[in-house]
Amino acid sequence: MSTTRRLNRIFRPDGRSLIVAFDHGMIDGPAKGMEQPGLTLQKIVAGGADAILTTFGMATRFAAEIARLGLILRLDGGGTKLGKMDGPGAQFYTIADALRLGADAVAVSAFPGSPKEEATLETLARVIGEAHTWGLPVMAEMVPGGFDSGPEFRGADSIAIAARVAAELGADWVKIPYAAGFEQVTRSCYVPAVVLGGAKKGSERIMLQTVSDALQAGAMGVAIGRNIFQADDPTAMTAAVAALLHKNASVDEAAAMLSNG
């Protein structure tokens, strides 16, 4: 199967994708909203998600629940809540593992500007080379400075550098933070950019507004986890985000789809 055919399992004909990040269990264990994964996954599918970013265990045990979604397998990890939480430390799974599970793409994180810059970029480059040998796309999750980096790493300038580095290494698309002036990122990154959701926002409307702003600035989708699976109604939240992406709904229209308005 070609890279193009697999990408079409993740991105719709409009070029956009609603990816639900469901790989948090590798760090947080049974996080809120993930205690009974099968039920939550059914709600996400019902809401109209396009793809899921998840772990080897989830992809194995809940294959039936996610069969309708594009599957992006997380290959790396290395920090749990019980440890130092300093980010990815190793590549746990191989391209052969991903192909055996029927994955449509794989994901690897890299931390430009952090002490782990060289090691994580080396892992990303190696995975891209191996994956493309088999026609398997790669999503590069680029986090400037690392997960706990300061504001100097979270502006559009730093994000634009991180995104472009991923493109230069051969990533098929990038998952990156959103910041004001995001147009600078999408203008200079020649592969699709999707914005990550991050920690759960205090207001669901704020999250929807951020998604809308990112799309207006040229983002080609989102990779949102906690703001969807920890929502009061994950199905409605998924549908609201999907409406922003694929129906060009306004923030007001998307917010009205939520049970609490």
Protein backbone atom coordinates (compact mmCIF):
# COMPACT_ATOMS: atom_id res chain seq x y z
CA MET A 1 0.00 0.00 0.00
CA SER A 2 1.32 3.45 -0.91
CA THR A 3 1.87 6.42 1.37
CA THR A 4 -0.85 8.31 -0.50
CA ARG A 5 -3.45 5.60 0.04
CA ARG A 6 -2.67 5.45 3.76
CA LEU A 7 -2.81 9.23 4.11
CA ASN A 8 -6.28 9.14 2.58
CA ARG A 9 -7.34 7.03 5.57
CA ILE A 10 -6.41 9.93 7.84
CA PHE A 11 -7.07 13.13 5.85
CA ARG A 12 -10.43 13.66 4.17
CA PRO A 13 -10.77 14.90 0.57
CA ASP A 14 -10.89 18.48 1.92
CA GLY A 15 -7.32 17.95 3.14
CA ARG A 16 -8.23 18.18 6.81
CA SER A 17 -8.22 15.65 9.63
CA LEU A 18 -9.73 15.35 13.10
CA ILE A 19 -7.25 13.17 14.95
CA VAL A 20 -8.13 12.18 18.50
CA ALA A 21 -5.01 11.72 20.62
CA PHE A 22 -5.60 8.68 22.82
CA ASP A 23 -2.05 7.78 23.79
CA HIS A 24 -2.02 9.43 27.22
CA GLY A 25 -2.13 6.11 29.04
CA MET A 26 1.58 5.63 28.35
CA ILE A 27 2.23 8.58 30.69
CA ASP A 28 -0.83 8.91 32.93
CA GLY A 29 -2.08 5.32 33.17
CA PRO A 30 -5.88 5.26 33.64
CA ALA A 31 -6.39 8.99 33.08
CA LYS A 32 -9.81 10.54 33.47
CA GLY A 33 -11.92 9.59 30.47
CA MET A 34 -9.74 6.58 29.70
CA GLU A 35 -10.80 4.34 32.58
CA GLN A 36 -13.02 2.28 30.26
CA PRO A 37 -11.38 2.81 26.88
CA GLY A 38 -13.87 0.83 24.81
CA LEU A 39 -16.82 3.01 25.80
CA THR A 40 -14.92 6.25 25.21
CA LEU A 41 -13.66 5.08 21.83
CA GLN A 42 -17.22 4.27 20.74
CA LYS A 43 -18.26 7.83 21.62
CA ILE A 44 -15.36 9.30 19.65
CA VAL A 45 -16.20 7.23 16.58
CA ALA A 46 -19.87 8.19 16.85
CA GLY A 47 -18.89 11.86 16.93
CA GLY A 48 -17.15 11.66 13.58
CA ALA A 49 -13.42 11.48 14.29
CA ASP A 50 -11.24 10.76 11.26
CA ALA A 51 -8.27 9.10 12.94
CA ILE A 52 -6.84 8.12 16.29
CA LEU A 53 -3.33 8.44 17.68
CA THR A 54 -2.89 5.64 20.16
CA THR A 55 -0.70 2.99 21.72
CA PHE A 56 0.22 -0.56 20.81
CA GLY A 57 -1.97 -1.92 23.60
CA MET A 58 -5.02 0.13 22.62
CA ALA A 59 -4.64 -0.74 18.95
CA THR A 60 -4.40 -4.42 19.84
CA ARG A 61 -7.20 -4.72 22.42
CA PHE A 62 -9.70 -2.32 20.87
CA ALA A 63 -9.20 -3.06 17.19
CA ALA A 64 -12.94 -3.51 16.60
CA GLU A 65 -13.86 -0.19 18.20
CA ILE A 66 -11.37 1.80 16.11
CA ALA A 67 -11.69 -0.13 12.86
CA ARG A 68 -13.47 2.78 11.14
CA LEU A 69 -10.74 5.26 12.04
CA GLY A 70 -7.36 5.91 10.51
CA LEU A 71 -4.80 4.40 12.90
CA ILE A 72 -1.67 6.33 13.91
CA LEU A 73 0.55 4.23 16.16
CA ARG A 74 2.75 5.92 18.76
CA LEU A 75 6.20 4.32 18.48
CA ASP A 76 8.10 6.14 21.23
CA GLY A 77 7.84 6.95 24.90
CA GLY A 78 9.89 7.01 28.04
CA GLY A 79 8.40 9.17 30.76
CA THR A 80 5.54 8.30 33.12
CA LYS A 81 3.89 10.19 35.97
CA LEU A 82 5.85 7.97 38.32
CA GLY A 83 9.18 9.06 36.89
CA LYS A 84 10.92 12.23 35.76
CA MET A 85 8.49 13.04 32.94
CA ASP A 86 11.27 14.47 30.79
CA GLY A 87 9.85 13.30 27.50
CA PRO A 88 10.47 10.49 25.02
CA GLY A 89 13.50 8.43 25.83
CA ALA A 90 13.28 5.47 23.49
CA GLN A 91 11.67 3.99 20.41
CA PHE A 92 9.60 1.14 21.82
CA TYR A 93 8.04 -0.27 18.64
CA THR A 94 9.16 -0.89 15.08
CA ILE A 95 7.75 -0.31 11.62
CA ALA A 96 7.12 -4.07 11.46
CA ASP A 97 4.97 -3.80 14.60
CA ALA A 98 2.97 -0.97 13.01
CA LEU A 99 2.42 -2.88 9.78
CA ARG A 100 1.37 -6.00 11.66
CA LEU A 101 -1.32 -3.96 13.46
CA GLY A 102 -2.52 -2.46 10.18
CA ALA A 103 -1.49 1.09 11.13
CA ASP A 104 -2.02 3.81 8.54
CA ALA A 105 0.81 5.95 9.97
CA VAL A 106 3.21 6.15 12.87
CA ALA A 107 4.04 8.99 15.26
CA VAL A 108 7.32 10.04 16.86
CA SER A 109 8.06 13.07 19.05
CA ALA A 110 11.06 15.38 18.80
CA PHE A 111 12.14 18.24 21.05
CA PRO A 112 14.08 20.90 19.13
CA GLY A 113 15.87 23.27 21.49
CA SER A 114 15.84 20.82 24.41
CA PRO A 115 18.75 18.78 25.82
CA LYS A 116 17.26 15.84 23.90
CA GLU A 117 17.22 17.68 20.58
CA GLU A 118 19.82 15.59 18.75
CA ALA A 119 18.67 12.23 20.08
CA THR A 120 14.99 12.82 19.30
CA LEU A 121 15.67 14.24 15.83
CA GLU A 122 17.90 11.25 15.09
CA THR A 123 15.10 8.87 16.08
CA LEU A 124 12.61 10.79 13.97
CA ALA A 125 14.88 10.71 10.91
CA ARG A 126 15.54 7.00 11.28
CA VAL A 127 11.84 6.18 11.64
CA ILE A 128 10.98 8.27 8.57
CA GLY A 129 13.54 6.44 6.47
CA GLU A 130 12.36 3.01 7.60
CA ALA A 131 8.65 3.85 7.35
CA HIS A 132 8.85 5.29 3.86
CA THR A 133 10.56 2.13 2.66
CA TRP A 134 7.20 0.46 3.30
CA GLY A 135 4.95 3.31 2.19
CA LEU A 136 4.01 4.16 5.79
CA PRO A 137 3.47 7.88 6.57
CA VAL A 138 5.01 9.54 9.62
CA MET A 139 3.54 12.23 11.87
CA ALA A 140 6.23 14.23 13.64
CA GLU A 141 5.09 15.65 16.97
CA MET A 142 7.38 18.65 17.40
CA VAL A 143 7.51 20.24 20.86
CA PRO A 144 10.02 23.11 20.97
CA GLY A 145 12.05 22.98 24.17
CA GLY A 146 10.25 19.92 25.46
CA PHE A 147 6.97 19.37 27.28
CA ASP A 148 7.76 21.75 30.13
CA SER A 149 9.50 24.47 28.11
CA GLY A 150 9.05 28.13 28.88
CA PRO A 151 7.28 30.83 26.87
CA GLU A 152 10.42 31.57 24.87
CA PHE A 153 9.84 28.26 23.07
CA ARG A 154 6.08 28.60 22.58
CA GLY A 155 5.88 31.55 20.18
CA ALA A 156 5.27 31.30 16.44
CA ASP A 157 8.99 31.80 15.67
CA SER A 158 10.06 28.69 17.59
CA ILE A 159 7.11 26.63 16.37
CA ALA A 160 7.86 27.58 12.76
CA ILE A 161 11.46 26.37 13.10
CA ALA A 162 10.37 23.09 14.69
CA ALA A 163 7.74 22.45 12.01
CA ARG A 164 10.15 23.20 9.17
CA VAL A 165 12.79 20.91 10.66
CA ALA A 166 10.27 18.06 10.63
CA ALA A 167 9.43 18.74 7.00
CA GLU A 168 13.12 18.81 6.09
CA LEU A 169 13.60 15.42 7.75
CA GLY A 170 10.80 14.02 5.58
CA ALA A 171 7.78 13.93 7.90
CA ASP A 172 4.46 13.64 6.06
CA TRP A 173 2.76 16.04 8.46
CA VAL A 174 3.48 17.71 11.78
CA LYS A 175 1.63 17.93 15.08
CA ILE A 176 2.58 21.17 16.80
CA PRO A 177 1.39 23.68 19.42
CA TYR A 178 -0.73 26.66 18.40
CA ALA A 179 0.37 30.23 19.04
CA ALA A 180 -0.68 33.70 17.96
CA GLY A 181 0.72 34.47 14.53
CA PHE A 182 0.32 30.84 13.45
CA GLU A 183 0.25 32.00 9.81
CA GLN A 184 4.03 32.24 10.09
CA VAL A 185 4.15 28.50 10.78
CA THR A 186 1.88 27.37 7.96
CA ARG A 187 3.48 29.72 5.39
CA SER A 188 6.92 28.23 5.92
CA CYS A 189 6.09 24.56 6.55
CA TYR A 190 5.50 22.74 3.27
CA VAL A 191 3.72 19.74 4.82
CA PRO A 192 0.33 19.83 6.56
CA ALA A 193 0.29 21.09 10.14
CA VAL A 194 -2.22 19.94 12.76
CA VAL A 195 -2.42 21.61 16.15
CA LEU A 196 -2.29 19.70 19.41
CA GLY A 197 -4.90 20.22 22.09
CA GLY A 198 -2.78 20.23 25.22
CA ALA A 199 -4.21 20.30 28.73
CA LYS A 200 -7.98 20.51 29.10
CA LYS A 201 -9.14 24.10 28.68
CA GLY A 202 -11.31 25.70 31.34
CA SER A 203 -13.97 26.47 28.76
CA GLU A 204 -15.07 24.28 25.87
CA ARG A 205 -15.79 27.42 23.86
CA ILE A 206 -12.19 28.59 24.31
CA MET A 207 -10.99 25.30 22.84
CA LEU A 208 -13.37 25.62 19.89
CA GLN A 209 -12.22 29.19 19.29
CA THR A 210 -8.59 28.07 19.27
CA VAL A 211 -9.38 25.37 16.70
CA SER A 212 -11.21 27.91 14.53
CA ASP A 213 -8.32 30.39 14.76
CA ALA A 214 -5.82 27.67 13.83
CA LEU A 215 -7.85 26.67 10.77
CA GLN A 216 -8.14 30.29 9.67
CA ALA A 217 -4.35 30.50 9.94
CA GLY A 218 -3.84 27.52 7.64
CA ALA A 219 -3.80 24.49 9.95
CA MET A 220 -5.04 21.34 8.25
CA GLY A 221 -6.57 19.79 11.31
CA VAL A 222 -6.16 18.99 14.98
CA ALA A 223 -4.80 16.24 17.19
CA ILE A 224 -6.84 16.72 20.35
CA GLY A 225 -7.00 14.36 23.31
CA ARG A 226 -8.07 15.50 26.77
CA ASN A 227 -10.30 18.29 25.47
CA ILE A 228 -12.33 15.60 23.71
CA PHE A 229 -12.18 12.43 25.82
CA GLN A 230 -12.50 14.34 29.10
CA ALA A 231 -15.41 16.44 27.85
CA ASP A 232 -18.81 16.04 29.51
CA ASP A 233 -20.06 14.59 26.22
CA PRO A 234 -17.17 13.26 24.09
CA THR A 235 -19.50 12.45 21.19
CA ALA A 236 -20.87 16.00 21.03
CA MET A 237 -17.41 17.54 21.41
CA THR A 238 -16.01 15.37 18.63
CA ALA A 239 -18.94 16.35 16.40
CA ALA A 240 -18.46 20.04 17.22
CA VAL A 241 -14.79 19.97 16.26
CA ALA A 242 -15.62 17.98 13.13
CA ALA A 243 -18.13 20.66 12.15
CA LEU A 244 -15.44 23.33 12.41
CA LEU A 245 -13.06 21.29 10.27
CA HIS A 246 -15.27 19.78 7.63
CA LYS A 247 -18.41 21.94 7.50
CA ASN A 248 -16.78 25.35 8.04
CA ALA A 249 -19.10 25.88 11.00
CA SER A 250 -18.73 29.01 13.09
CA VAL A 251 -17.67 28.82 16.72
CA ASP A 252 -21.24 29.70 17.72
CA GLU A 253 -22.63 26.88 15.58
CA ALA A 254 -20.10 24.38 16.96
CA ALA A 255 -20.74 25.46 20.57
CA ALA A 256 -24.48 25.02 20.05
CA MET A 257 -23.86 21.34 19.31
CA LEU A 258 -22.65 20.73 22.86
CA SER A 259 -25.13 19.52 25.43
CA ASN A 260 -24.41 22.50 27.65
CA GLY A 261 -24.48 24.98 24.78
